[in-house]
Amino acid sequence: MTIAEVAKRYGISADTLRYYEKIGLIPRIGRNKSGIRDYTEENCRWIEFIRCMRNAGLPIDALTRYIELFQQGEETAEERKLILIDEKAKLEKRISELNDTLDRLKLKIAKYDKLKL
């Protein structure tokens, strides 16, 4: 797949894909005979993972560290797990805060409903 096809498939820009490759979030992308990036399904799985983790709020530095460790092999599994546990706790806190905000909005809306606007 070309970079344009991958960008469209995942709803991210070609510049973002190039940046992810440059900083090591995705492995070097192979090139076709014309020198154009040629994404494989394995490359796409990495992009799906990165996109999921970024949507969860994982910062680039934590994600980069995780991927560096992953590439080092199974001896880093415990450290990778700790990164994910830490990020999971942050996400759960964020979800809790958002739920509190949502509850407050619902109460405010209910008050307006009582005014029969």
PDB file of N, CA and C in Angstrom:
ATOM      1  N   MET A   1       0.848  -1.182   0.000  1.00  0.00           N
ATOM      2  CA  MET A   1       0.000   0.000   0.000  1.00  0.00           C
ATOM      3  C   MET A   1       0.892   1.244   0.000  1.00  0.00           C
ATOM      4  N   THR A   2       0.433   2.254  -0.661  1.00  0.00           N
ATOM      5  CA  THR A   2       1.167   3.516  -0.671  1.00  0.00           C
ATOM      6  C   THR A   2       0.874   4.297   0.606  1.00  0.00           C
ATOM      7  N   ILE A   3       1.670   5.311   0.841  1.00  0.00           N
ATOM      8  CA  ILE A   3       1.461   6.136   2.028  1.00  0.00           C
ATOM      9  C   ILE A   3       0.099   6.827   1.967  1.00  0.00           C
ATOM     10  N   ALA A   4      -0.328   7.226   0.773  1.00  0.00           N
ATOM     11  CA  ALA A   4      -1.637   7.874   0.629  1.00  0.00           C
ATOM     12  C   ALA A   4      -2.761   6.908   0.984  1.00  0.00           C
ATOM     13  N   GLU A   5      -2.643   5.662   0.561  1.00  0.00           N
ATOM     14  CA  GLU A   5      -3.663   4.657   0.867  1.00  0.00           C
ATOM     15  C   GLU A   5      -3.719   4.378   2.370  1.00  0.00           C
ATOM     16  N   VAL A   6      -2.560   4.280   2.987  1.00  0.00           N
ATOM     17  CA  VAL A   6      -2.506   4.018   4.427  1.00  0.00           C
ATOM     18  C   VAL A   6      -3.062   5.216   5.194  1.00  0.00           C
ATOM     19  N   ALA A   7      -2.684   6.410   4.779  1.00  0.00           N
ATOM     20  CA  ALA A   7      -3.188   7.619   5.432  1.00  0.00           C
ATOM     21  C   ALA A   7      -4.712   7.671   5.368  1.00  0.00           C
ATOM     22  N   LYS A   8      -5.264   7.373   4.214  1.00  0.00           N
ATOM     23  CA  LYS A   8      -6.726   7.376   4.054  1.00  0.00           C
ATOM     24  C   LYS A   8      -7.369   6.283   4.902  1.00  0.00           C
ATOM     25  N   ARG A   9      -6.776   5.100   4.888  1.00  0.00           N
ATOM     26  CA  ARG A   9      -7.319   3.955   5.630  1.00  0.00           C
ATOM     27  C   ARG A   9      -7.435   4.246   7.126  1.00  0.00           C
ATOM     28  N   TYR A  10      -6.443   4.947   7.680  1.00  0.00           N
ATOM     29  CA  TYR A  10      -6.410   5.172   9.122  1.00  0.00           C
ATOM     30  C   TYR A  10      -6.772   6.596   9.536  1.00  0.00           C
ATOM     31  N   GLY A  11      -7.071   7.440   8.563  1.00  0.00           N
ATOM     32  CA  GLY A  11      -7.489   8.794   8.885  1.00  0.00           C
ATOM     33  C   GLY A  11      -6.389   9.631   9.516  1.00  0.00           C
ATOM     34  N   ILE A  12      -5.159   9.394   9.098  1.00  0.00           N
ATOM     35  CA  ILE A  12      -4.039  10.212   9.575  1.00  0.00           C
ATOM     36  C   ILE A  12      -3.267  10.711   8.367  1.00  0.00           C
ATOM     37  N   SER A  13      -2.525  11.759   8.559  1.00  0.00           N
ATOM     38  CA  SER A  13      -1.838  12.363   7.412  1.00  0.00           C
ATOM     39  C   SER A  13      -0.582  11.582   7.033  1.00  0.00           C
ATOM     40  N   ALA A  14      -0.181  11.752   5.796  1.00  0.00           N
ATOM     41  CA  ALA A  14       1.072  11.152   5.325  1.00  0.00           C
ATOM     42  C   ALA A  14       2.247  11.713   6.116  1.00  0.00           C
ATOM     43  N   ASP A  15       2.167  12.987   6.474  1.00  0.00           N
ATOM     44  CA  ASP A  15       3.239  13.593   7.288  1.00  0.00           C
ATOM     45  C   ASP A  15       3.364  12.903   8.643  1.00  0.00           C
ATOM     46  N   THR A  16       2.232  12.575   9.233  1.00  0.00           N
ATOM     47  CA  THR A  16       2.250  11.868  10.516  1.00  0.00           C
ATOM     48  C   THR A  16       2.882  10.491  10.351  1.00  0.00           C
ATOM     49  N   LEU A  17       2.549   9.798   9.302  1.00  0.00           N
ATOM     50  CA  LEU A  17       3.142   8.484   9.047  1.00  0.00           C
ATOM     51  C   LEU A  17       4.652   8.592   8.870  1.00  0.00           C
ATOM     52  N   ARG A  18       5.091   9.590   8.123  1.00  0.00           N
ATOM     53  CA  ARG A  18       6.538   9.790   7.942  1.00  0.00           C
ATOM     54  C   ARG A  18       7.210  10.093   9.282  1.00  0.00           C
ATOM     55  N   TYR A  19       6.539  10.921  10.094  1.00  0.00           N
ATOM     56  CA  TYR A  19       7.071  11.265  11.420  1.00  0.00           C
ATOM     57  C   TYR A  19       7.174  10.020  12.296  1.00  0.00           C
ATOM     58  N   TYR A  20       6.135   9.199  12.320  1.00  0.00           N
ATOM     59  CA  TYR A  20       6.159   7.968  13.110  1.00  0.00           C
ATOM     60  C   TYR A  20       7.310   7.068  12.680  1.00  0.00           C
ATOM     61  N   GLU A  21       7.558   7.011  11.383  1.00  0.00           N
ATOM     62  CA  GLU A  21       8.674   6.204  10.886  1.00  0.00           C
ATOM     63  C   GLU A  21      10.006   6.822  11.314  1.00  0.00           C
ATOM     64  N   LYS A  22      10.102   8.133  11.200  1.00  0.00           N
ATOM     65  CA  LYS A  22      11.348   8.838  11.531  1.00  0.00           C
ATOM     66  C   LYS A  22      11.751   8.646  12.991  1.00  0.00           C
ATOM     67  N   ILE A  23      10.774   8.673  13.904  1.00  0.00           N
ATOM     68  CA  ILE A  23      11.107   8.559  15.335  1.00  0.00           C
ATOM     69  C   ILE A  23      11.096   7.112  15.825  1.00  0.00           C
ATOM     70  N   GLY A  24      10.827   6.179  14.924  1.00  0.00           N
ATOM     71  CA  GLY A  24      10.917   4.772  15.285  1.00  0.00           C
ATOM     72  C   GLY A  24       9.657   4.133  15.820  1.00  0.00           C
ATOM     73  N   LEU A  25       8.524   4.810  15.705  1.00  0.00           N
ATOM     74  CA  LEU A  25       7.277   4.201  16.160  1.00  0.00           C
ATOM     75  C   LEU A  25       6.841   3.065  15.253  1.00  0.00           C
ATOM     76  N   ILE A  26       7.142   3.194  13.979  1.00  0.00           N
ATOM     77  CA  ILE A  26       6.909   2.083  13.064  1.00  0.00           C
ATOM     78  C   ILE A  26       8.245   1.725  12.431  1.00  0.00           C
ATOM     79  N   PRO A  27       8.443   0.451  12.196  1.00  0.00           N
ATOM     80  CA  PRO A  27       9.714   0.037  11.579  1.00  0.00           C
ATOM     81  C   PRO A  27       9.878   0.686  10.206  1.00  0.00           C
ATOM     82  N   ARG A  28      11.105   0.742   9.767  1.00  0.00           N
ATOM     83  CA  ARG A  28      11.377   1.282   8.433  1.00  0.00           C
ATOM     84  C   ARG A  28      10.454   0.622   7.414  1.00  0.00           C
ATOM     85  N   ILE A  29       9.870   1.438   6.592  1.00  0.00           N
ATOM     86  CA  ILE A  29       8.940   0.954   5.582  1.00  0.00           C
ATOM     87  C   ILE A  29       9.738   0.609   4.328  1.00  0.00           C
ATOM     88  N   GLY A  30       9.460  -0.562   3.788  1.00  0.00           N
ATOM     89  CA  GLY A  30      10.122  -0.959   2.553  1.00  0.00           C
ATOM     90  C   GLY A  30       9.717  -0.040   1.408  1.00  0.00           C
ATOM     91  N   ARG A  31      10.485  -0.094   0.368  1.00  0.00           N
ATOM     92  CA  ARG A  31      10.211   0.749  -0.792  1.00  0.00           C
ATOM     93  C   ARG A  31      10.115  -0.110  -2.043  1.00  0.00           C
ATOM     94  N   ASN A  32       9.295   0.349  -2.972  1.00  0.00           N
ATOM     95  CA  ASN A  32       9.179  -0.375  -4.242  1.00  0.00           C
ATOM     96  C   ASN A  32      10.330   0.031  -5.167  1.00  0.00           C
ATOM     97  N   LYS A  33      10.326  -0.467  -6.378  1.00  0.00           N
ATOM     98  CA  LYS A  33      11.414  -0.194  -7.334  1.00  0.00           C
ATOM     99  C   LYS A  33      11.568   1.291  -7.635  1.00  0.00           C
ATOM    100  N   SER A  34      10.490   2.020  -7.495  1.00  0.00           N
ATOM    101  CA  SER A  34      10.529   3.465  -7.763  1.00  0.00           C
ATOM    102  C   SER A  34      10.936   4.272  -6.536  1.00  0.00           C
ATOM    103  N   GLY A  35      11.178   3.585  -5.419  1.00  0.00           N
ATOM    104  CA  GLY A  35      11.573   4.279  -4.191  1.00  0.00           C
ATOM    105  C   GLY A  35      10.418   4.791  -3.366  1.00  0.00           C
ATOM    106  N   ILE A  36       9.205   4.391  -3.720  1.00  0.00           N
ATOM    107  CA  ILE A  36       8.006   4.829  -2.994  1.00  0.00           C
ATOM    108  C   ILE A  36       7.737   3.852  -1.852  1.00  0.00           C
ATOM    109  N   ARG A  37       7.369   4.412  -0.687  1.00  0.00           N
ATOM    110  CA  ARG A  37       7.064   3.563   0.460  1.00  0.00           C
ATOM    111  C   ARG A  37       6.002   2.538   0.084  1.00  0.00           C
ATOM    112  N   ASP A  38       6.215   1.302   0.563  1.00  0.00           N
ATOM    113  CA  ASP A  38       5.303   0.205   0.258  1.00  0.00           C
ATOM    114  C   ASP A  38       4.931  -0.475   1.582  1.00  0.00           C
ATOM    115  N   TYR A  39       3.795  -0.081   2.144  1.00  0.00           N
ATOM    116  CA  TYR A  39       3.360  -0.571   3.447  1.00  0.00           C
ATOM    117  C   TYR A  39       2.816  -1.995   3.336  1.00  0.00           C
ATOM    118  N   THR A  40       3.226  -2.841   4.278  1.00  0.00           N
ATOM    119  CA  THR A  40       2.731  -4.214   4.349  1.00  0.00           C
ATOM    120  C   THR A  40       1.617  -4.281   5.396  1.00  0.00           C
ATOM    121  N   GLU A  41       0.972  -5.430   5.485  1.00  0.00           N
ATOM    122  CA  GLU A  41      -0.048  -5.617   6.518  1.00  0.00           C
ATOM    123  C   GLU A  41       0.581  -5.552   7.915  1.00  0.00           C
ATOM    124  N   GLU A  42       1.804  -6.031   8.056  1.00  0.00           N
ATOM    125  CA  GLU A  42       2.486  -5.931   9.355  1.00  0.00           C
ATOM    126  C   GLU A  42       2.700  -4.467   9.720  1.00  0.00           C
ATOM    127  N   ASN A  43       3.127  -3.656   8.761  1.00  0.00           N
ATOM    128  CA  ASN A  43       3.266  -2.219   9.013  1.00  0.00           C
ATOM    129  C   ASN A  43       1.929  -1.634   9.457  1.00  0.00           C
ATOM    130  N   CYS A  44       0.866  -2.058   8.802  1.00  0.00           N
ATOM    131  CA  CYS A  44      -0.465  -1.556   9.138  1.00  0.00           C
ATOM    132  C   CYS A  44      -0.896  -1.961  10.542  1.00  0.00           C
ATOM    133  N   ARG A  45      -0.513  -3.148  10.980  1.00  0.00           N
ATOM    134  CA  ARG A  45      -0.825  -3.567  12.356  1.00  0.00           C
ATOM    135  C   ARG A  45      -0.126  -2.662  13.359  1.00  0.00           C
ATOM    136  N   TRP A  46       1.118  -2.272  13.066  1.00  0.00           N
ATOM    137  CA  TRP A  46       1.825  -1.328  13.931  1.00  0.00           C
ATOM    138  C   TRP A  46       1.084   0.000  13.970  1.00  0.00           C
ATOM    139  N   ILE A  47       0.636   0.458  12.836  1.00  0.00           N
ATOM    140  CA  ILE A  47      -0.071   1.737  12.773  1.00  0.00           C
ATOM    141  C   ILE A  47      -1.373   1.659  13.562  1.00  0.00           C
ATOM    142  N   GLU A  48      -2.098   0.548  13.446  1.00  0.00           N
ATOM    143  CA  GLU A  48      -3.332   0.360  14.219  1.00  0.00           C
ATOM    144  C   GLU A  48      -3.035   0.419  15.718  1.00  0.00           C
ATOM    145  N   PHE A  49      -1.963  -0.249  16.137  1.00  0.00           N
ATOM    146  CA  PHE A  49      -1.578  -0.243  17.548  1.00  0.00           C
ATOM    147  C   PHE A  49      -1.242   1.176  18.006  1.00  0.00           C
ATOM    148  N   ILE A  50      -0.433   1.867  17.232  1.00  0.00           N
ATOM    149  CA  ILE A  50      -0.029   3.227  17.589  1.00  0.00           C
ATOM    150  C   ILE A  50      -1.239   4.139  17.669  1.00  0.00           C
ATOM    151  N   ARG A  51      -2.105   4.025  16.696  1.00  0.00           N
ATOM    152  CA  ARG A  51      -3.318   4.852  16.672  1.00  0.00           C
ATOM    153  C   ARG A  51      -4.184   4.586  17.900  1.00  0.00           C
ATOM    154  N   CYS A  52      -4.335   3.323  18.246  1.00  0.00           N
ATOM    155  CA  CYS A  52      -5.119   2.951  19.425  1.00  0.00           C
ATOM    156  C   CYS A  52      -4.505   3.546  20.688  1.00  0.00           C
ATOM    157  N   MET A  53      -3.205   3.398  20.828  1.00  0.00           N
ATOM    158  CA  MET A  53      -2.524   3.898  22.021  1.00  0.00           C
ATOM    159  C   MET A  53      -2.557   5.424  22.085  1.00  0.00           C
ATOM    160  N   ARG A  54      -2.397   6.076  20.954  1.00  0.00           N
ATOM    161  CA  ARG A  54      -2.472   7.549  20.927  1.00  0.00           C
ATOM    162  C   ARG A  54      -3.887   8.006  21.275  1.00  0.00           C
ATOM    163  N   ASN A  55      -4.908   7.296  20.769  1.00  0.00           N
ATOM    164  CA  ASN A  55      -6.294   7.635  21.112  1.00  0.00           C
ATOM    165  C   ASN A  55      -6.562   7.458  22.596  1.00  0.00           C
ATOM    166  N   ALA A  56      -5.834   6.543  23.218  1.00  0.00           N
ATOM    167  CA  ALA A  56      -5.974   6.319  24.658  1.00  0.00           C
ATOM    168  C   ALA A  56      -5.209   7.364  25.463  1.00  0.00           C
ATOM    169  N   GLY A  57      -4.438   8.203  24.770  1.00  0.00           N
ATOM    170  CA  GLY A  57      -3.723   9.270  25.447  1.00  0.00           C
ATOM    171  C   GLY A  57      -2.267   8.986  25.730  1.00  0.00           C
ATOM    172  N   LEU A  58      -1.750   7.871  25.259  1.00  0.00           N
ATOM    173  CA  LEU A  58      -0.344   7.559  25.485  1.00  0.00           C
ATOM    174  C   LEU A  58       0.525   8.628  24.844  1.00  0.00           C
ATOM    175  N   PRO A  59       1.438   9.205  25.606  1.00  0.00           N
ATOM    176  CA  PRO A  59       2.336  10.192  25.012  1.00  0.00           C
ATOM    177  C   PRO A  59       3.343   9.513  24.080  1.00  0.00           C
ATOM    178  N   ILE A  60       3.841  10.274  23.128  1.00  0.00           N
ATOM    179  CA  ILE A  60       4.790   9.740  22.148  1.00  0.00           C
ATOM    180  C   ILE A  60       6.003   9.118  22.840  1.00  0.00           C
ATOM    181  N   ASP A  61       6.523   9.770  23.877  1.00  0.00           N
ATOM    182  CA  ASP A  61       7.734   9.230  24.526  1.00  0.00           C
ATOM    183  C   ASP A  61       7.480   7.871  25.169  1.00  0.00           C
ATOM    184  N   ALA A  62       6.331   7.678  25.789  1.00  0.00           N
ATOM    185  CA  ALA A  62       6.010   6.379  26.393  1.00  0.00           C
ATOM    186  C   ALA A  62       5.826   5.324  25.310  1.00  0.00           C
ATOM    187  N   LEU A  63       5.190   5.709  24.231  1.00  0.00           N
ATOM    188  CA  LEU A  63       4.966   4.776  23.130  1.00  0.00           C
ATOM    189  C   LEU A  63       6.282   4.411  22.452  1.00  0.00           C
ATOM    190  N   THR A  64       7.149   5.380  22.273  1.00  0.00           N
ATOM    191  CA  THR A  64       8.461   5.120  21.689  1.00  0.00           C
ATOM    192  C   THR A  64       9.257   4.165  22.570  1.00  0.00           C
ATOM    193  N   ARG A  65       9.220   4.402  23.859  1.00  0.00           N
ATOM    194  CA  ARG A  65       9.936   3.516  24.793  1.00  0.00           C
ATOM    195  C   ARG A  65       9.369   2.097  24.726  1.00  0.00           C
ATOM    196  N   TYR A  66       8.061   1.981  24.714  1.00  0.00           N
ATOM    197  CA  TYR A  66       7.421   0.673  24.632  1.00  0.00           C
ATOM    198  C   TYR A  66       7.891  -0.074  23.389  1.00  0.00           C
ATOM    199  N   ILE A  67       7.897   0.598  22.256  1.00  0.00           N
ATOM    200  CA  ILE A  67       8.274  -0.049  21.005  1.00  0.00           C
ATOM    201  C   ILE A  67       9.763  -0.411  20.993  1.00  0.00           C
ATOM    202  N   GLU A  68      10.599   0.465  21.554  1.00  0.00           N
ATOM    203  CA  GLU A  68      12.032   0.134  21.677  1.00  0.00           C
ATOM    204  C   GLU A  68      12.200  -1.156  22.468  1.00  0.00           C
ATOM    205  N   LEU A  69      11.488  -1.245  23.577  1.00  0.00           N
ATOM    206  CA  LEU A  69      11.564  -2.444  24.418  1.00  0.00           C
ATOM    207  C   LEU A  69      11.039  -3.668  23.678  1.00  0.00           C
ATOM    208  N   PHE A  70       9.935  -3.495  22.971  1.00  0.00           N
ATOM    209  CA  PHE A  70       9.359  -4.603  22.217  1.00  0.00           C
ATOM    210  C   PHE A  70      10.376  -5.170  21.236  1.00  0.00           C
ATOM    211  N   GLN A  71      11.081  -4.293  20.569  1.00  0.00           N
ATOM    212  CA  GLN A  71      12.055  -4.719  19.573  1.00  0.00           C
ATOM    213  C   GLN A  71      13.266  -5.406  20.207  1.00  0.00           C
ATOM    214  N   GLN A  72      13.478  -5.201  21.499  1.00  0.00           N
ATOM    215  CA  GLN A  72      14.589  -5.857  22.193  1.00  0.00           C
ATOM    216  C   GLN A  72      14.272  -7.303  22.553  1.00  0.00           C
ATOM    217  N   GLY A  73      13.006  -7.652  22.539  1.00  0.00           N
ATOM    218  CA  GLY A  73      12.645  -9.041  22.769  1.00  0.00           C
ATOM    219  C   GLY A  73      11.934  -9.301  24.088  1.00  0.00           C
ATOM    220  N   GLU A  74      11.707 -10.578  24.338  1.00  0.00           N
ATOM    221  CA  GLU A  74      10.906 -11.021  25.485  1.00  0.00           C
ATOM    222  C   GLU A  74      11.487 -10.638  26.841  1.00  0.00           C
ATOM    223  N   GLU A  75      12.788 -10.426  26.910  1.00  0.00           N
ATOM    224  CA  GLU A  75      13.373 -10.078  28.212  1.00  0.00           C
ATOM    225  C   GLU A  75      12.887  -8.716  28.722  1.00  0.00           C
ATOM    226  N   THR A  76      12.228  -7.957  27.877  1.00  0.00           N
ATOM    227  CA  THR A  76      11.699  -6.648  28.291  1.00  0.00           C
ATOM    228  C   THR A  76      10.196  -6.694  28.571  1.00  0.00           C
ATOM    229  N   ALA A  77       9.617  -7.855  28.584  1.00  0.00           N
ATOM    230  CA  ALA A  77       8.156  -7.985  28.730  1.00  0.00           C
ATOM    231  C   ALA A  77       7.651  -7.330  30.012  1.00  0.00           C
ATOM    232  N   GLU A  78       8.353  -7.519  31.109  1.00  0.00           N
ATOM    233  CA  GLU A  78       7.896  -6.955  32.386  1.00  0.00           C
ATOM    234  C   GLU A  78       7.898  -5.429  32.339  1.00  0.00           C
ATOM    235  N   GLU A  79       8.939  -4.846  31.787  1.00  0.00           N
ATOM    236  CA  GLU A  79       9.002  -3.388  31.689  1.00  0.00           C
ATOM    237  C   GLU A  79       7.905  -2.850  30.768  1.00  0.00           C
ATOM    238  N   ARG A  80       7.641  -3.554  29.670  1.00  0.00           N
ATOM    239  CA  ARG A  80       6.554  -3.151  28.764  1.00  0.00           C
ATOM    240  C   ARG A  80       5.217  -3.216  29.482  1.00  0.00           C
ATOM    241  N   LYS A  81       5.030  -4.273  30.251  1.00  0.00           N
ATOM    242  CA  LYS A  81       3.782  -4.420  31.001  1.00  0.00           C
ATOM    243  C   LYS A  81       3.599  -3.262  31.974  1.00  0.00           C
ATOM    244  N   LEU A  82       4.674  -2.859  32.648  1.00  0.00           N
ATOM    245  CA  LEU A  82       4.594  -1.751  33.596  1.00  0.00           C
ATOM    246  C   LEU A  82       4.226  -0.439  32.908  1.00  0.00           C
ATOM    247  N   ILE A  83       4.742  -0.224  31.712  1.00  0.00           N
ATOM    248  CA  ILE A  83       4.364   0.966  30.952  1.00  0.00           C
ATOM    249  C   ILE A  83       2.863   0.952  30.690  1.00  0.00           C
ATOM    250  N   LEU A  84       2.349  -0.197  30.252  1.00  0.00           N
ATOM    251  CA  LEU A  84       0.917  -0.307  29.950  1.00  0.00           C
ATOM    252  C   LEU A  84       0.063  -0.158  31.204  1.00  0.00           C
ATOM    253  N   ILE A  85       0.515  -0.711  32.313  1.00  0.00           N
ATOM    254  CA  ILE A  85      -0.230  -0.582  33.576  1.00  0.00           C
ATOM    255  C   ILE A  85      -0.305   0.883  33.994  1.00  0.00           C
ATOM    256  N   ASP A  86       0.822   1.586  33.890  1.00  0.00           N
ATOM    257  CA  ASP A  86       0.865   3.004  34.253  1.00  0.00           C
ATOM    258  C   ASP A  86      -0.067   3.819  33.362  1.00  0.00           C
ATOM    259  N   GLU A  87      -0.017   3.567  32.071  1.00  0.00           N
ATOM    260  CA  GLU A  87      -0.865   4.307  31.138  1.00  0.00           C
ATOM    261  C   GLU A  87      -2.338   3.960  31.326  1.00  0.00           C
ATOM    262  N   LYS A  88      -2.624   2.718  31.671  1.00  0.00           N
ATOM    263  CA  LYS A  88      -4.005   2.296  31.949  1.00  0.00           C
ATOM    264  C   LYS A  88      -4.556   3.062  33.140  1.00  0.00           C
ATOM    265  N   ALA A  89      -3.757   3.212  34.188  1.00  0.00           N
ATOM    266  CA  ALA A  89      -4.188   3.956  35.377  1.00  0.00           C
ATOM    267  C   ALA A  89      -4.482   5.416  35.026  1.00  0.00           C
ATOM    268  N   LYS A  90      -3.641   6.010  34.202  1.00  0.00           N
ATOM    269  CA  LYS A  90      -3.871   7.395  33.777  1.00  0.00           C
ATOM    270  C   LYS A  90      -5.165   7.514  32.976  1.00  0.00           C
ATOM    271  N   LEU A  91      -5.402   6.547  32.097  1.00  0.00           N
ATOM    272  CA  LEU A  91      -6.613   6.558  31.283  1.00  0.00           C
ATOM    273  C   LEU A  91      -7.853   6.379  32.156  1.00  0.00           C
ATOM    274  N   GLU A  92      -7.781   5.474  33.113  1.00  0.00           N
ATOM    275  CA  GLU A  92      -8.920   5.264  34.021  1.00  0.00           C
ATOM    276  C   GLU A  92      -9.220   6.531  34.805  1.00  0.00           C
ATOM    277  N   LYS A  93      -8.183   7.243  35.235  1.00  0.00           N
ATOM    278  CA  LYS A  93      -8.388   8.506  35.958  1.00  0.00           C
ATOM    279  C   LYS A  93      -9.063   9.523  35.046  1.00  0.00           C
ATOM    280  N   ARG A  94      -8.590   9.600  33.813  1.00  0.00           N
ATOM    281  CA  ARG A  94      -9.166  10.537  32.846  1.00  0.00           C
ATOM    282  C   ARG A  94     -10.629  10.206  32.574  1.00  0.00           C
ATOM    283  N   ILE A  95     -10.941   8.925  32.435  1.00  0.00           N
ATOM    284  CA  ILE A  95     -12.325   8.494  32.206  1.00  0.00           C
ATOM    285  C   ILE A  95     -13.197   8.875  33.394  1.00  0.00           C
ATOM    286  N   SER A  96     -12.672   8.682  34.595  1.00  0.00           N
ATOM    287  CA  SER A  96     -13.416   9.050  35.797  1.00  0.00           C
ATOM    288  C   SER A  96     -13.708  10.551  35.823  1.00  0.00           C
ATOM    289  N   GLU A  97     -12.699  11.341  35.492  1.00  0.00           N
ATOM    290  CA  GLU A  97     -12.883  12.790  35.454  1.00  0.00           C
ATOM    291  C   GLU A  97     -13.912  13.184  34.395  1.00  0.00           C
ATOM    292  N   LEU A  98     -13.851  12.544  33.244  1.00  0.00           N
ATOM    293  CA  LEU A  98     -14.826  12.831  32.191  1.00  0.00           C
ATOM    294  C   LEU A  98     -16.233  12.420  32.609  1.00  0.00           C
ATOM    295  N   ASN A  99     -16.341  11.297  33.294  1.00  0.00           N
ATOM    296  CA  ASN A  99     -17.667  10.864  33.785  1.00  0.00           C
ATOM    297  C   ASN A  99     -18.212  11.852  34.806  1.00  0.00           C
ATOM    298  N   ASP A 100     -17.347  12.387  35.678  1.00  0.00           N
ATOM    299  CA  ASP A 100     -17.778  13.410  36.635  1.00  0.00           C
ATOM    300  C   ASP A 100     -18.288  14.655  35.900  1.00  0.00           C
ATOM    301  N   THR A 101     -17.567  15.048  34.876  1.00  0.00           N
ATOM    302  CA  THR A 101     -17.974  16.203  34.074  1.00  0.00           C
ATOM    303  C   THR A 101     -19.300  15.935  33.374  1.00  0.00           C
ATOM    304  N   LEU A 102     -19.452  14.747  32.832  1.00  0.00           N
ATOM    305  CA  LEU A 102     -20.695  14.376  32.170  1.00  0.00           C
ATOM    306  C   LEU A 102     -21.863  14.419  33.151  1.00  0.00           C
ATOM    307  N   ASP A 103     -21.664  13.892  34.346  1.00  0.00           N
ATOM    308  CA  ASP A 103     -22.719  13.924  35.366  1.00  0.00           C
ATOM    309  C   ASP A 103     -23.116  15.360  35.699  1.00  0.00           C
ATOM    310  N   ARG A 104     -22.131  16.237  35.818  1.00  0.00           N
ATOM    311  CA  ARG A 104     -22.418  17.638  36.136  1.00  0.00           C
ATOM    312  C   ARG A 104     -23.217  18.289  35.001  1.00  0.00           C
ATOM    313  N   LEU A 105     -22.841  17.992  33.749  1.00  0.00           N
ATOM    314  CA  LEU A 105     -23.580  18.529  32.614  1.00  0.00           C
ATOM    315  C   LEU A 105     -25.021  18.034  32.601  1.00  0.00           C
ATOM    316  N   LYS A 106     -25.207  16.775  32.912  1.00  0.00           N
ATOM    317  CA  LYS A 106     -26.566  16.215  32.952  1.00  0.00           C
ATOM    318  C   LYS A 106     -27.413  16.926  33.995  1.00  0.00           C
ATOM    319  N   LEU A 107     -26.825  17.206  35.159  1.00  0.00           N
ATOM    320  CA  LEU A 107     -27.555  17.925  36.201  1.00  0.00           C
ATOM    321  C   LEU A 107     -27.935  19.326  35.749  1.00  0.00           C
ATOM    322  N   LYS A 108     -27.009  19.999  35.109  1.00  0.00           N
ATOM    323  CA  LYS A 108     -27.281  21.352  34.622  1.00  0.00           C
ATOM    324  C   LYS A 108     -28.414  21.336  33.584  1.00  0.00           C
ATOM    325  N   ILE A 109     -28.340  20.388  32.673  1.00  0.00           N
ATOM    326  CA  ILE A 109     -29.370  20.276  31.638  1.00  0.00           C
ATOM    327  C   ILE A 109     -30.722  19.970  32.280  1.00  0.00           C
ATOM    328  N   ALA A 110     -30.727  19.091  33.290  1.00  0.00           N
ATOM    329  CA  ALA A 110     -31.981  18.762  33.988  1.00  0.00           C
ATOM    330  C   ALA A 110     -32.588  20.004  34.646  1.00  0.00           C
ATOM    331  N   LYS A 111     -31.738  20.874  35.191  1.00  0.00           N
ATOM    332  CA  LYS A 111     -32.240  22.107  35.795  1.00  0.00           C
ATOM    333  C   LYS A 111     -32.921  22.973  34.736  1.00  0.00           C
ATOM    334  N   TYR A 112     -32.321  23.057  33.565  1.00  0.00           N
ATOM    335  CA  TYR A 112     -32.919  23.849  32.484  1.00  0.00           C
ATOM    336  C   TYR A 112     -34.215  23.215  32.007  1.00  0.00           C
ATOM    337  N   ASP A 113     -34.258  21.889  31.987  1.00  0.00           N
ATOM    338  CA  ASP A 113     -35.492  21.207  31.593  1.00  0.00           C
ATOM    339  C   ASP A 113     -36.638  21.550  32.532  1.00  0.00           C
ATOM    340  N   LYS A 114     -36.337  21.710  33.816  1.00  0.00           N
ATOM    341  CA  LYS A 114     -37.363  22.053  34.778  1.00  0.00           C
ATOM    342  C   LYS A 114     -37.911  23.461  34.557  1.00  0.00           C
ATOM    343  N   LEU A 115     -37.102  24.312  33.939  1.00  0.00           N
ATOM    344  CA  LEU A 115     -37.550  25.683  33.636  1.00  0.00           C
ATOM    345  C   LEU A 115     -38.485  25.713  32.438  1.00  0.00           C
ATOM    346  N   LYS A 116     -38.599  24.602  31.752  1.00  0.00           N
ATOM    347  CA  LYS A 116     -39.468  24.477  30.577  1.00  0.00           C
ATOM    348  C   LYS A 116     -39.129  25.538  29.511  1.00  0.00           C
ATOM    349  N   LEU A 117     -37.865  25.567  29.147  1.00  0.00           N
ATOM    350  CA  LEU A 117     -37.424  26.526  28.123  1.00  0.00           C
ATOM    351  C   LEU A 117     -37.805  26.069  26.757  1.00  0.00           C
TER     352      LEU A 117
END
